[in-house]
Amino acid sequence: MARLRYLPNVVTLALDDEKCVGCGMCALVCPHAVFAVENGQTRIVDRDACMECGACAQNCPAEALSVRAGVGCAAAVLSRRLRGAGPAC
């Protein structure tokens, strides 16, 4: 299956490197492998794969992540599903 993509460079996801403790929780809960943890530091490896579900930010113990959940691909997918249409992304 092809990886889901939204529009390039519009995702609201942001990582504050100063706050990040490198726990890897974001990488664990992200359904689209947006994050990688290397040398005790998290980094965003595929921002445009983010569907803005908010799982990373909700599970980050250091509050190093922010995302406006539901404004991007996730909202489009849910909206179309509720109308009985196929995925939008």
PDB file of N, CA and C in Angstrom:
ATOM      1  N   MET A   1       0.844  -1.182   0.000  1.00  0.00           N
ATOM      2  CA  MET A   1       0.000   0.000   0.000  1.00  0.00           C
ATOM      3  C   MET A   1       0.888   1.244   0.000  1.00  0.00           C
ATOM      4  N   ALA A   2       0.541   2.211  -0.801  1.00  0.00           N
ATOM      5  CA  ALA A   2       1.301   3.454  -0.857  1.00  0.00           C
ATOM      6  C   ALA A   2       1.111   4.239   0.438  1.00  0.00           C
ATOM      7  N   ARG A   3       2.140   4.970   0.807  1.00  0.00           N
ATOM      8  CA  ARG A   3       2.036   5.800   2.013  1.00  0.00           C
ATOM      9  C   ARG A   3       1.094   6.957   1.770  1.00  0.00           C
ATOM     10  N   LEU A   4       0.267   7.254   2.768  1.00  0.00           N
ATOM     11  CA  LEU A   4      -0.639   8.386   2.660  1.00  0.00           C
ATOM     12  C   LEU A   4       0.156   9.682   2.667  1.00  0.00           C
ATOM     13  N   ARG A   5      -0.252  10.622   1.839  1.00  0.00           N
ATOM     14  CA  ARG A   5       0.388  11.932   1.774  1.00  0.00           C
ATOM     15  C   ARG A   5      -0.702  12.987   1.850  1.00  0.00           C
ATOM     16  N   TYR A   6      -0.376  14.086   2.442  1.00  0.00           N
ATOM     17  CA  TYR A   6      -1.285  15.223   2.453  1.00  0.00           C
ATOM     18  C   TYR A   6      -0.700  16.235   1.484  1.00  0.00           C
ATOM     19  N   LEU A   7      -0.940  17.485   1.660  1.00  0.00           N
ATOM     20  CA  LEU A   7      -0.326  18.501   0.822  1.00  0.00           C
ATOM     21  C   LEU A   7       1.062  18.811   1.360  1.00  0.00           C
ATOM     22  N   PRO A   8       2.052  18.952   0.509  1.00  0.00           N
ATOM     23  CA  PRO A   8       3.412  19.208   0.994  1.00  0.00           C
ATOM     24  C   PRO A   8       3.522  20.527   1.765  1.00  0.00           C
ATOM     25  N   ASN A   9       4.270  20.479   2.851  1.00  0.00           N
ATOM     26  CA  ASN A   9       4.637  21.671   3.628  1.00  0.00           C
ATOM     27  C   ASN A   9       3.465  22.430   4.251  1.00  0.00           C
ATOM     28  N   VAL A  10       2.390  21.736   4.631  1.00  0.00           N
ATOM     29  CA  VAL A  10       1.275  22.422   5.282  1.00  0.00           C
ATOM     30  C   VAL A  10       0.958  21.853   6.665  1.00  0.00           C
ATOM     31  N   VAL A  11       1.629  20.809   7.062  1.00  0.00           N
ATOM     32  CA  VAL A  11       1.354  20.151   8.341  1.00  0.00           C
ATOM     33  C   VAL A  11       1.709  21.086   9.494  1.00  0.00           C
ATOM     34  N   THR A  12       0.888  21.083  10.536  1.00  0.00           N
ATOM     35  CA  THR A  12       1.099  21.970  11.683  1.00  0.00           C
ATOM     36  C   THR A  12       2.038  21.391  12.735  1.00  0.00           C
ATOM     37  N   LEU A  13       2.563  20.209  12.510  1.00  0.00           N
ATOM     38  CA  LEU A  13       3.435  19.526  13.460  1.00  0.00           C
ATOM     39  C   LEU A  13       4.713  20.323  13.720  1.00  0.00           C
ATOM     40  N   ALA A  14       5.062  20.475  15.007  1.00  0.00           N
ATOM     41  CA  ALA A  14       6.297  21.163  15.388  1.00  0.00           C
ATOM     42  C   ALA A  14       6.943  20.430  16.561  1.00  0.00           C
ATOM     43  N   LEU A  15       8.257  20.351  16.535  1.00  0.00           N
ATOM     44  CA  LEU A  15       9.042  19.714  17.591  1.00  0.00           C
ATOM     45  C   LEU A  15       9.975  20.744  18.199  1.00  0.00           C
ATOM     46  N   ASP A  16       9.916  20.887  19.524  1.00  0.00           N
ATOM     47  CA  ASP A  16      10.812  21.785  20.243  1.00  0.00           C
ATOM     48  C   ASP A  16      12.001  20.959  20.734  1.00  0.00           C
ATOM     49  N   ASP A  17      13.119  21.066  20.042  1.00  0.00           N
ATOM     50  CA  ASP A  17      14.307  20.281  20.373  1.00  0.00           C
ATOM     51  C   ASP A  17      14.804  20.523  21.801  1.00  0.00           C
ATOM     52  N   GLU A  18      14.599  21.716  22.313  1.00  0.00           N
ATOM     53  CA  GLU A  18      15.048  22.057  23.664  1.00  0.00           C
ATOM     54  C   GLU A  18      14.284  21.279  24.734  1.00  0.00           C
ATOM     55  N   LYS A  19      13.014  21.013  24.495  1.00  0.00           N
ATOM     56  CA  LYS A  19      12.188  20.299  25.470  1.00  0.00           C
ATOM     57  C   LYS A  19      12.289  18.787  25.342  1.00  0.00           C
ATOM     58  N   CYS A  20      12.630  18.297  24.156  1.00  0.00           N
ATOM     59  CA  CYS A  20      12.628  16.862  23.887  1.00  0.00           C
ATOM     60  C   CYS A  20      13.606  16.119  24.796  1.00  0.00           C
ATOM     61  N   VAL A  21      13.125  15.017  25.398  1.00  0.00           N
ATOM     62  CA  VAL A  21      13.965  14.189  26.262  1.00  0.00           C
ATOM     63  C   VAL A  21      14.375  12.881  25.572  1.00  0.00           C
ATOM     64  N   GLY A  22      13.939  12.712  24.320  1.00  0.00           N
ATOM     65  CA  GLY A  22      14.329  11.533  23.548  1.00  0.00           C
ATOM     66  C   GLY A  22      13.734  10.221  24.020  1.00  0.00           C
ATOM     67  N   CYS A  23      12.565  10.264  24.629  1.00  0.00           N
ATOM     68  CA  CYS A  23      11.959   9.045  25.171  1.00  0.00           C
ATOM     69  C   CYS A  23      11.443   8.107  24.083  1.00  0.00           C
ATOM     70  N   GLY A  24      11.128   8.649  22.908  1.00  0.00           N
ATOM     71  CA  GLY A  24      10.660   7.832  21.796  1.00  0.00           C
ATOM     72  C   GLY A  24       9.181   7.520  21.806  1.00  0.00           C
ATOM     73  N   MET A  25       8.428   8.081  22.734  1.00  0.00           N
ATOM     74  CA  MET A  25       6.997   7.811  22.797  1.00  0.00           C
ATOM     75  C   MET A  25       6.306   8.253  21.500  1.00  0.00           C
ATOM     76  N   CYS A  26       6.722   9.377  20.945  1.00  0.00           N
ATOM     77  CA  CYS A  26       6.106   9.865  19.707  1.00  0.00           C
ATOM     78  C   CYS A  26       6.285   8.863  18.568  1.00  0.00           C
ATOM     79  N   ALA A  27       7.492   8.307  18.454  1.00  0.00           N
ATOM     80  CA  ALA A  27       7.766   7.321  17.410  1.00  0.00           C
ATOM     81  C   ALA A  27       6.940   6.057  17.627  1.00  0.00           C
ATOM     82  N   LEU A  28       6.703   5.722  18.880  1.00  0.00           N
ATOM     83  CA  LEU A  28       5.927   4.526  19.210  1.00  0.00           C
ATOM     84  C   LEU A  28       4.454   4.669  18.827  1.00  0.00           C
ATOM     85  N   VAL A  29       3.870   5.828  19.065  1.00  0.00           N
ATOM     86  CA  VAL A  29       2.436   6.007  18.838  1.00  0.00           C
ATOM     87  C   VAL A  29       2.083   6.540  17.453  1.00  0.00           C
ATOM     88  N   CYS A  30       3.046   7.025  16.705  1.00  0.00           N
ATOM     89  CA  CYS A  30       2.768   7.600  15.384  1.00  0.00           C
ATOM     90  C   CYS A  30       2.415   6.502  14.382  1.00  0.00           C
ATOM     91  N   PRO A  31       1.233   6.570  13.765  1.00  0.00           N
ATOM     92  CA  PRO A  31       0.824   5.533  12.820  1.00  0.00           C
ATOM     93  C   PRO A  31       1.498   5.626  11.455  1.00  0.00           C
ATOM     94  N   HIS A  32       2.250   6.700  11.211  1.00  0.00           N
ATOM     95  CA  HIS A  32       2.846   6.897   9.889  1.00  0.00           C
ATOM     96  C   HIS A  32       4.361   7.070   9.910  1.00  0.00           C
ATOM     97  N   ALA A  33       5.017   6.661  10.972  1.00  0.00           N
ATOM     98  CA  ALA A  33       6.486   6.704  11.066  1.00  0.00           C
ATOM     99  C   ALA A  33       7.059   8.080  10.721  1.00  0.00           C
ATOM    100  N   VAL A  34       6.478   9.102  11.304  1.00  0.00           N
ATOM    101  CA  VAL A  34       6.932  10.470  11.074  1.00  0.00           C
ATOM    102  C   VAL A  34       8.217  10.760  11.843  1.00  0.00           C
ATOM    103  N   PHE A  35       8.454  10.030  12.947  1.00  0.00           N
ATOM    104  CA  PHE A  35       9.571  10.312  13.841  1.00  0.00           C
ATOM    105  C   PHE A  35      10.619   9.213  13.838  1.00  0.00           C
ATOM    106  N   ALA A  36      11.836   9.608  14.192  1.00  0.00           N
ATOM    107  CA  ALA A  36      12.917   8.655  14.456  1.00  0.00           C
ATOM    108  C   ALA A  36      13.656   9.160  15.690  1.00  0.00           C
ATOM    109  N   VAL A  37      14.163   8.236  16.490  1.00  0.00           N
ATOM    110  CA  VAL A  37      14.962   8.600  17.653  1.00  0.00           C
ATOM    111  C   VAL A  37      16.377   8.111  17.397  1.00  0.00           C
ATOM    112  N   GLU A  38      17.311   9.043  17.393  1.00  0.00           N
ATOM    113  CA  GLU A  38      18.711   8.725  17.138  1.00  0.00           C
ATOM    114  C   GLU A  38      19.579   9.454  18.152  1.00  0.00           C
ATOM    115  N   ASN A  39      20.478   8.721  18.756  1.00  0.00           N
ATOM    116  CA  ASN A  39      21.391   9.293  19.750  1.00  0.00           C
ATOM    117  C   ASN A  39      20.655  10.049  20.851  1.00  0.00           C
ATOM    118  N   GLY A  40      19.545   9.488  21.308  1.00  0.00           N
ATOM    119  CA  GLY A  40      18.805  10.092  22.413  1.00  0.00           C
ATOM    120  C   GLY A  40      18.044  11.345  22.051  1.00  0.00           C
ATOM    121  N   GLN A  41      17.827  11.596  20.775  1.00  0.00           N
ATOM    122  CA  GLN A  41      17.091  12.789  20.342  1.00  0.00           C
ATOM    123  C   GLN A  41      16.081  12.399  19.267  1.00  0.00           C
ATOM    124  N   THR A  42      14.877  12.907  19.409  1.00  0.00           N
ATOM    125  CA  THR A  42      13.838  12.661  18.410  1.00  0.00           C
ATOM    126  C   THR A  42      13.995  13.668  17.288  1.00  0.00           C
ATOM    127  N   ARG A  43      13.702  13.198  16.073  1.00  0.00           N
ATOM    128  CA  ARG A  43      13.666  14.127  14.943  1.00  0.00           C
ATOM    129  C   ARG A  43      12.508  13.740  14.032  1.00  0.00           C
ATOM    130  N   ILE A  44      12.024  14.709  13.310  1.00  0.00           N
ATOM    131  CA  ILE A  44      10.951  14.479  12.346  1.00  0.00           C
ATOM    132  C   ILE A  44      11.610  14.049  11.046  1.00  0.00           C
ATOM    133  N   VAL A  45      11.253  12.853  10.570  1.00  0.00           N
ATOM    134  CA  VAL A  45      11.884  12.332   9.351  1.00  0.00           C
ATOM    135  C   VAL A  45      10.964  12.392   8.136  1.00  0.00           C
ATOM    136  N   ASP A  46       9.661  12.535   8.342  1.00  0.00           N
ATOM    137  CA  ASP A  46       8.726  12.577   7.215  1.00  0.00           C
ATOM    138  C   ASP A  46       7.509  13.410   7.590  1.00  0.00           C
ATOM    139  N   ARG A  47       7.711  14.707   7.676  1.00  0.00           N
ATOM    140  CA  ARG A  47       6.658  15.632   8.110  1.00  0.00           C
ATOM    141  C   ARG A  47       5.395  15.513   7.253  1.00  0.00           C
ATOM    142  N   ASP A  48       5.532  15.369   5.964  1.00  0.00           N
ATOM    143  CA  ASP A  48       4.368  15.333   5.090  1.00  0.00           C
ATOM    144  C   ASP A  48       3.555  14.046   5.220  1.00  0.00           C
ATOM    145  N   ALA A  49       4.069  13.051   5.939  1.00  0.00           N
ATOM    146  CA  ALA A  49       3.293  11.835   6.206  1.00  0.00           C
ATOM    147  C   ALA A  49       2.383  12.014   7.421  1.00  0.00           C
ATOM    148  N   CYS A  50       2.559  13.092   8.161  1.00  0.00           N
ATOM    149  CA  CYS A  50       1.756  13.353   9.354  1.00  0.00           C
ATOM    150  C   CYS A  50       0.301  13.592   8.970  1.00  0.00           C
ATOM    151  N   MET A  51      -0.610  12.877   9.648  1.00  0.00           N
ATOM    152  CA  MET A  51      -2.042  13.074   9.393  1.00  0.00           C
ATOM    153  C   MET A  51      -2.684  13.924  10.483  1.00  0.00           C
ATOM    154  N   GLU A  52      -1.858  14.514  11.325  1.00  0.00           N
ATOM    155  CA  GLU A  52      -2.294  15.436  12.365  1.00  0.00           C
ATOM    156  C   GLU A  52      -3.321  14.828  13.312  1.00  0.00           C
ATOM    157  N   CYS A  53      -3.094  13.570  13.684  1.00  0.00           N
ATOM    158  CA  CYS A  53      -4.021  12.907  14.617  1.00  0.00           C
ATOM    159  C   CYS A  53      -3.823  13.399  16.052  1.00  0.00           C
ATOM    160  N   GLY A  54      -2.625  13.879  16.362  1.00  0.00           N
ATOM    161  CA  GLY A  54      -2.350  14.417  17.687  1.00  0.00           C
ATOM    162  C   GLY A  54      -1.834  13.413  18.703  1.00  0.00           C
ATOM    163  N   ALA A  55      -1.688  12.145  18.311  1.00  0.00           N
ATOM    164  CA  ALA A  55      -1.234  11.119  19.257  1.00  0.00           C
ATOM    165  C   ALA A  55       0.146  11.437  19.809  1.00  0.00           C
ATOM    166  N   CYS A  56       1.030  11.960  18.991  1.00  0.00           N
ATOM    167  CA  CYS A  56       2.390  12.263  19.451  1.00  0.00           C
ATOM    168  C   CYS A  56       2.376  13.329  20.540  1.00  0.00           C
ATOM    169  N   ALA A  57       1.656  14.409  20.296  1.00  0.00           N
ATOM    170  CA  ALA A  57       1.611  15.510  21.265  1.00  0.00           C
ATOM    171  C   ALA A  57       0.921  15.083  22.561  1.00  0.00           C
ATOM    172  N   GLN A  58      -0.135  14.287  22.454  1.00  0.00           N
ATOM    173  CA  GLN A  58      -0.853  13.843  23.650  1.00  0.00           C
ATOM    174  C   GLN A  58      -0.014  12.900  24.497  1.00  0.00           C
ATOM    175  N   ASN A  59       0.922  12.192  23.895  1.00  0.00           N
ATOM    176  CA  ASN A  59       1.723  11.216  24.627  1.00  0.00           C
ATOM    177  C   ASN A  59       3.132  11.685  24.941  1.00  0.00           C
ATOM    178  N   CYS A  60       3.471  12.911  24.610  1.00  0.00           N
ATOM    179  CA  CYS A  60       4.809  13.433  24.877  1.00  0.00           C
ATOM    180  C   CYS A  60       4.899  13.930  26.325  1.00  0.00           C
ATOM    181  N   PRO A  61       5.695  13.275  27.163  1.00  0.00           N
ATOM    182  CA  PRO A  61       5.774  13.680  28.573  1.00  0.00           C
ATOM    183  C   PRO A  61       6.472  15.021  28.778  1.00  0.00           C
ATOM    184  N   ALA A  62       7.248  15.461  27.792  1.00  0.00           N
ATOM    185  CA  ALA A  62       7.985  16.714  27.920  1.00  0.00           C
ATOM    186  C   ALA A  62       7.280  17.881  27.235  1.00  0.00           C
ATOM    187  N   GLU A  63       6.124  17.614  26.629  1.00  0.00           N
ATOM    188  CA  GLU A  63       5.379  18.638  25.889  1.00  0.00           C
ATOM    189  C   GLU A  63       6.244  19.302  24.825  1.00  0.00           C
ATOM    190  N   ALA A  64       7.063  18.490  24.150  1.00  0.00           N
ATOM    191  CA  ALA A  64       7.975  18.983  23.123  1.00  0.00           C
ATOM    192  C   ALA A  64       7.328  19.030  21.742  1.00  0.00           C
ATOM    193  N   LEU A  65       6.152  18.444  21.613  1.00  0.00           N
ATOM    194  CA  LEU A  65       5.481  18.397  20.317  1.00  0.00           C
ATOM    195  C   LEU A  65       4.190  19.190  20.345  1.00  0.00           C
ATOM    196  N   SER A  66       3.898  19.816  19.225  1.00  0.00           N
ATOM    197  CA  SER A  66       2.606  20.480  19.082  1.00  0.00           C
ATOM    198  C   SER A  66       2.088  20.185  17.677  1.00  0.00           C
ATOM    199  N   VAL A  67       0.792  20.046  17.583  1.00  0.00           N
ATOM    200  CA  VAL A  67       0.122  19.812  16.305  1.00  0.00           C
ATOM    201  C   VAL A  67      -1.337  20.199  16.489  1.00  0.00           C
ATOM    202  N   ARG A  68      -1.898  20.828  15.505  1.00  0.00           N
ATOM    203  CA  ARG A  68      -3.320  21.171  15.559  1.00  0.00           C
ATOM    204  C   ARG A  68      -4.087  19.954  15.064  1.00  0.00           C
ATOM    205  N   ALA A  69      -4.391  19.072  15.975  1.00  0.00           N
ATOM    206  CA  ALA A  69      -5.036  17.799  15.640  1.00  0.00           C
ATOM    207  C   ALA A  69      -6.358  18.009  14.923  1.00  0.00           C
ATOM    208  N   GLY A  70      -6.543  17.220  13.877  1.00  0.00           N
ATOM    209  CA  GLY A  70      -7.794  17.225  13.152  1.00  0.00           C
ATOM    210  C   GLY A  70      -7.928  18.259  12.062  1.00  0.00           C
ATOM    211  N   VAL A  71      -6.907  19.055  11.809  1.00  0.00           N
ATOM    212  CA  VAL A  71      -7.053  20.092  10.793  1.00  0.00           C
ATOM    213  C   VAL A  71      -6.569  19.649   9.428  1.00  0.00           C
ATOM    214  N   GLY A  72      -5.874  18.551   9.333  1.00  0.00           N
ATOM    215  CA  GLY A  72      -5.295  18.141   8.063  1.00  0.00           C
ATOM    216  C   GLY A  72      -5.921  16.903   7.489  1.00  0.00           C
ATOM    217  N   CYS A  73      -5.078  15.979   7.150  1.00  0.00           N
ATOM    218  CA  CYS A  73      -5.497  14.758   6.475  1.00  0.00           C
ATOM    219  C   CYS A  73      -6.499  13.970   7.307  1.00  0.00           C
ATOM    220  N   ALA A  74      -6.292  13.902   8.603  1.00  0.00           N
ATOM    221  CA  ALA A  74      -7.208  13.136   9.452  1.00  0.00           C
ATOM    222  C   ALA A  74      -8.622  13.686   9.353  1.00  0.00           C
ATOM    223  N   ALA A  75      -8.754  14.990   9.369  1.00  0.00           N
ATOM    224  CA  ALA A  75     -10.077  15.592   9.261  1.00  0.00           C
ATOM    225  C   ALA A  75     -10.696  15.298   7.905  1.00  0.00           C
ATOM    226  N   ALA A  76      -9.904  15.340   6.855  1.00  0.00           N
ATOM    227  CA  ALA A  76     -10.416  15.059   5.513  1.00  0.00           C
ATOM    228  C   ALA A  76     -10.886  13.614   5.405  1.00  0.00           C
ATOM    229  N   VAL A  77     -10.092  12.690   5.926  1.00  0.00           N
ATOM    230  CA  VAL A  77     -10.453  11.275   5.873  1.00  0.00           C
ATOM    231  C   VAL A  77     -11.743  11.030   6.647  1.00  0.00           C
ATOM    232  N   LEU A  78     -11.834  11.551   7.862  1.00  0.00           N
ATOM    233  CA  LEU A  78     -13.030  11.348   8.681  1.00  0.00           C
ATOM    234  C   LEU A  78     -14.266  11.983   8.052  1.00  0.00           C
ATOM    235  N   SER A  79     -14.111  13.178   7.535  1.00  0.00           N
ATOM    236  CA  SER A  79     -15.233  13.871   6.918  1.00  0.00           C
ATOM    237  C   SER A  79     -15.777  13.098   5.724  1.00  0.00           C
ATOM    238  N   ARG A  80     -14.893  12.624   4.872  1.00  0.00           N
ATOM    239  CA  ARG A  80     -15.331  11.858   3.700  1.00  0.00           C
ATOM    240  C   ARG A  80     -15.933  10.523   4.115  1.00  0.00           C
ATOM    241  N   ARG A  81     -15.372   9.908   5.157  1.00  0.00           N
ATOM    242  CA  ARG A  81     -15.898   8.622   5.625  1.00  0.00           C
ATOM    243  C   ARG A  81     -17.330   8.801   6.135  1.00  0.00           C
ATOM    244  N   LEU A  82     -17.568   9.886   6.880  1.00  0.00           N
ATOM    245  CA  LEU A  82     -18.893  10.152   7.401  1.00  0.00           C
ATOM    246  C   LEU A  82     -19.918  10.393   6.289  1.00  0.00           C
ATOM    247  N   ARG A  83     -19.442  10.911   5.181  1.00  0.00           N
ATOM    248  CA  ARG A  83     -20.327  11.157   4.025  1.00  0.00           C
ATOM    249  C   ARG A  83     -20.443   9.925   3.136  1.00  0.00           C
ATOM    250  N   GLY A  84     -19.709   8.834   3.472  1.00  0.00           N
ATOM    251  CA  GLY A  84     -19.772   7.607   2.690  1.00  0.00           C
ATOM    252  C   GLY A  84     -18.848   7.601   1.483  1.00  0.00           C
ATOM    253  N   ALA A  85     -17.875   8.493   1.447  1.00  0.00           N
ATOM    254  CA  ALA A  85     -16.922   8.563   0.337  1.00  0.00           C
ATOM    255  C   ALA A  85     -15.610   7.910   0.746  1.00  0.00           C
ATOM    256  N   GLY A  86     -14.727   7.747  -0.194  1.00  0.00           N
ATOM    257  CA  GLY A  86     -13.411   7.164   0.073  1.00  0.00           C
ATOM    258  C   GLY A  86     -12.447   8.164   0.667  1.00  0.00           C
ATOM    259  N   PRO A  87     -11.221   7.722   0.981  1.00  0.00           N
ATOM    260  CA  PRO A  87     -10.222   8.600   1.587  1.00  0.00           C
ATOM    261  C   PRO A  87      -9.898   9.816   0.710  1.00  0.00           C
ATOM    262  N   ALA A  88      -9.551  10.908   1.362  1.00  0.00           N
ATOM    263  CA  ALA A  88      -9.254  12.145   0.649  1.00  0.00           C
ATOM    264  C   ALA A  88      -7.769  12.370   0.466  1.00  0.00           C
ATOM    265  N   CYS A  89      -6.929  11.674   1.166  1.00  0.00           N
ATOM    266  CA  CYS A  89      -5.482  11.924   1.093  1.00  0.00           C
ATOM    267  C   CYS A  89      -4.797  10.990   0.131  1.00  0.00           C
TER     268      CYS A  89
END
